Amino acid sequence: MKMKFALVLISSVLLSAAAYAVEPDEVLKDPVLEERAREISREVRCVVCQNQSIDDSNAKLAKDLRLLVRERLIEGDSDKEVMDYLVDRYGEFILLKPRFAFHTLFLWGGGPLALLLGGFFLWRMSRKKKHAQLKSSTAGVKPLSEDEQAELDRLLSSE
């Protein structure tokens, strides 16, 4: 029972850590602007943590970026303008979901391409293996002579 309680306590602390990333002093008074800021923050990578959004990260740089997003929204920038500003300043690495463009084509198409190539090579290998098994099962077997063929025909016709 104590073990279950300890596991529940530890998991609740770990799972709720992201909820404390946005501090109360960062929250905007306007709920619409705050929701827009949270949406943008979920799409921006923390360059310190790298696999977390700035909305989830407790890093100081993530806080600075959250404040920057809120400042830009207060100034009247659209969501796209805020994202463009961040990309211009930090590069496309800052986006958790990269934009679809020519220079990211391999990034977007690489996974499906690898899957297709892998499937093609597996198909080819199975065909080669099947062909090799068929060839080895008939290897060394010579055709029937005329006498043997006549005897086989006689046996099959009598049945």
Protein backbone atom coordinates (compact mmCIF):
# COMPACT_ATOMS: atom_id res chain seq x y z
CA MET A 1 0.00 0.00 0.00
CA LYS A 2 2.85 2.38 0.83
CA MET A 3 4.49 1.59 -2.49
CA LYS A 4 1.32 2.46 -4.44
CA PHE A 5 0.97 5.72 -2.53
CA ALA A 6 4.60 6.63 -3.22
CA LEU A 7 4.18 5.88 -6.94
CA VAL A 8 1.01 7.96 -7.15
CA LEU A 9 2.68 10.83 -5.31
CA ILE A 10 5.81 10.77 -7.49
CA SER A 11 3.86 10.49 -10.75
CA SER A 12 1.49 13.32 -9.80
CA VAL A 13 4.44 15.58 -8.98
CA LEU A 14 6.20 14.72 -12.24
CA LEU A 15 3.09 15.04 -14.39
CA SER A 16 2.08 18.35 -12.86
CA ALA A 17 5.53 19.90 -13.35
CA ALA A 18 4.53 21.28 -16.75
CA ALA A 19 1.53 23.00 -15.22
CA TYR A 20 3.86 25.25 -13.23
CA ALA A 21 5.90 26.37 -16.27
CA VAL A 22 3.82 29.49 -16.93
CA GLU A 23 4.17 31.59 -13.83
CA PRO A 24 1.32 33.77 -12.50
CA ASP A 25 3.20 37.00 -13.21
CA GLU A 26 3.34 36.08 -16.92
CA VAL A 27 -0.40 35.56 -17.38
CA LEU A 28 -2.15 38.32 -19.34
CA LYS A 29 -5.30 39.92 -17.97
CA ASP A 30 -7.11 39.52 -21.29
CA PRO A 31 -8.14 35.82 -21.51
CA VAL A 32 -8.32 35.90 -25.32
CA LEU A 33 -4.75 37.21 -25.61
CA GLU A 34 -3.60 34.75 -22.96
CA GLU A 35 -5.10 31.84 -24.89
CA ARG A 36 -3.39 33.02 -28.08
CA ALA A 37 -0.10 33.32 -26.19
CA ARG A 38 -0.51 29.78 -24.82
CA GLU A 39 -1.26 28.41 -28.32
CA ILE A 40 1.85 30.06 -29.74
CA SER A 41 3.94 28.93 -26.76
CA ARG A 42 2.92 25.31 -27.38
CA GLU A 43 4.38 25.50 -30.91
CA VAL A 44 7.72 27.10 -29.97
CA ARG A 45 10.67 24.93 -28.93
CA CYS A 46 12.65 25.73 -25.81
CA VAL A 47 16.20 26.02 -27.15
CA VAL A 48 17.58 24.94 -23.77
CA CYS A 49 15.37 21.85 -23.27
CA GLN A 50 15.00 21.20 -27.03
CA ASN A 51 12.19 18.66 -26.81
CA GLN A 52 9.82 20.80 -24.80
CA SER A 53 7.71 23.72 -25.79
CA ILE A 54 8.32 27.02 -24.03
CA ASP A 55 4.86 26.55 -22.53
CA ASP A 56 6.07 23.41 -20.71
CA SER A 57 9.60 24.49 -19.87
CA ASN A 58 10.82 26.04 -16.63
CA ALA A 59 14.07 27.31 -18.18
CA LYS A 60 14.84 31.01 -17.85
CA LEU A 61 15.14 31.41 -21.62
CA ALA A 62 11.71 29.79 -22.05
CA LYS A 63 10.26 32.35 -19.64
CA ASP A 64 11.91 35.15 -21.63
CA LEU A 65 10.43 33.77 -24.83
CA ARG A 66 6.97 33.48 -23.25
CA LEU A 67 7.22 37.11 -22.17
CA LEU A 68 8.39 38.11 -25.65
CA VAL A 69 5.39 36.35 -27.22
CA ARG A 70 3.05 38.17 -24.85
CA GLU A 71 4.72 41.53 -25.56
CA ARG A 72 4.30 41.04 -29.30
CA LEU A 73 0.64 40.12 -28.86
CA ILE A 74 0.01 43.18 -26.69
CA GLU A 75 1.61 45.34 -29.42
CA GLY A 76 -1.04 43.98 -31.80
CA ASP A 77 0.90 41.40 -33.81
CA SER A 78 -1.05 38.50 -35.30
CA ASP A 79 -0.11 34.93 -34.39
CA LYS A 80 1.67 34.55 -37.74
CA GLU A 81 3.62 37.76 -37.22
CA VAL A 82 4.75 36.58 -33.78
CA MET A 83 5.88 33.23 -35.20
CA ASP A 84 7.65 34.95 -38.12
CA TYR A 85 9.41 37.27 -35.65
CA LEU A 86 10.64 34.31 -33.59
CA VAL A 87 11.78 32.42 -36.71
CA ASP A 88 13.59 35.50 -38.02
CA ARG A 89 15.32 35.95 -34.68
CA TYR A 90 16.13 32.32 -33.75
CA GLY A 91 15.80 30.35 -36.98
CA GLU A 92 13.38 27.57 -37.89
CA PHE A 93 14.85 25.32 -35.23
CA ILE A 94 12.66 27.16 -32.74
CA LEU A 95 9.51 25.64 -34.27
CA LEU A 96 8.44 22.30 -32.83
CA LYS A 97 6.64 21.57 -36.12
CA PRO A 98 8.79 22.85 -38.99
CA ARG A 99 7.14 24.63 -41.89
CA PHE A 100 6.61 22.73 -45.12
CA ALA A 101 9.01 24.28 -47.63
CA PHE A 102 11.56 23.17 -50.19
CA HIS A 103 14.42 23.14 -47.69
CA THR A 104 12.36 20.97 -45.28
CA LEU A 105 11.12 18.62 -47.97
CA PHE A 106 13.48 15.81 -46.92
CA LEU A 107 12.39 16.26 -43.31
CA TRP A 108 8.73 15.82 -44.23
CA GLY A 109 9.22 13.21 -46.95
CA GLY A 110 12.12 11.28 -45.43
CA GLY A 111 10.01 9.09 -43.14
CA PRO A 112 7.51 7.94 -45.77
CA LEU A 113 10.33 7.53 -48.31
CA ALA A 114 12.32 5.31 -45.91
CA LEU A 115 9.18 3.28 -45.21
CA LEU A 116 8.51 2.77 -48.93
CA LEU A 117 12.12 1.86 -49.69
CA GLY A 118 12.22 -0.56 -46.76
CA GLY A 119 9.00 -2.21 -47.92
CA PHE A 120 10.31 -2.46 -51.48
CA PHE A 121 13.56 -4.11 -50.34
CA LEU A 122 11.69 -6.55 -48.08
CA TRP A 123 9.43 -7.47 -51.00
CA ARG A 124 12.46 -7.97 -53.27
CA MET A 125 14.24 -10.12 -50.67
CA SER A 126 11.17 -12.32 -50.19
CA ARG A 127 10.84 -12.76 -53.96
CA LYS A 128 14.52 -13.69 -54.28
CA LYS A 129 14.23 -16.14 -51.40
CA LYS A 130 11.10 -17.72 -52.88
CA HIS A 131 12.78 -17.97 -56.29
CA ALA A 132 15.90 -19.50 -54.73
CA GLN A 133 13.82 -22.09 -52.83
CA LEU A 134 11.92 -23.01 -55.98
CA LYS A 135 15.14 -23.31 -57.93
CA SER A 136 16.82 -25.43 -55.24
CA SER A 137 13.82 -27.77 -54.98
CA THR A 138 14.00 -28.53 -58.72
CA ALA A 139 17.80 -28.54 -58.94
CA GLY A 140 19.30 -31.91 -59.82
CA VAL A 141 15.99 -33.33 -61.07
CA LYS A 142 16.29 -34.56 -64.63
CA PRO A 143 13.28 -34.89 -66.88
CA LEU A 144 11.62 -38.28 -67.37
CA SER A 145 12.79 -40.45 -70.21
CA GLU A 146 10.25 -41.67 -72.80
CA ASP A 147 10.03 -45.08 -71.12
CA GLU A 148 9.51 -43.52 -67.69
CA GLN A 149 6.87 -41.14 -69.04
CA ALA A 150 5.02 -44.04 -70.72
CA GLU A 151 5.11 -46.06 -67.45
CA LEU A 152 3.79 -43.02 -65.51
CA ASP A 153 0.97 -42.53 -68.02
CA ARG A 154 0.08 -46.23 -67.81
CA LEU A 155 -0.03 -46.10 -63.98
CA LEU A 156 -2.11 -42.95 -63.92
CA SER A 157 -4.59 -44.25 -66.51
CA SER A 158 -5.15 -47.49 -64.60
CA GLU A 159 -6.33 -45.64 -61.51
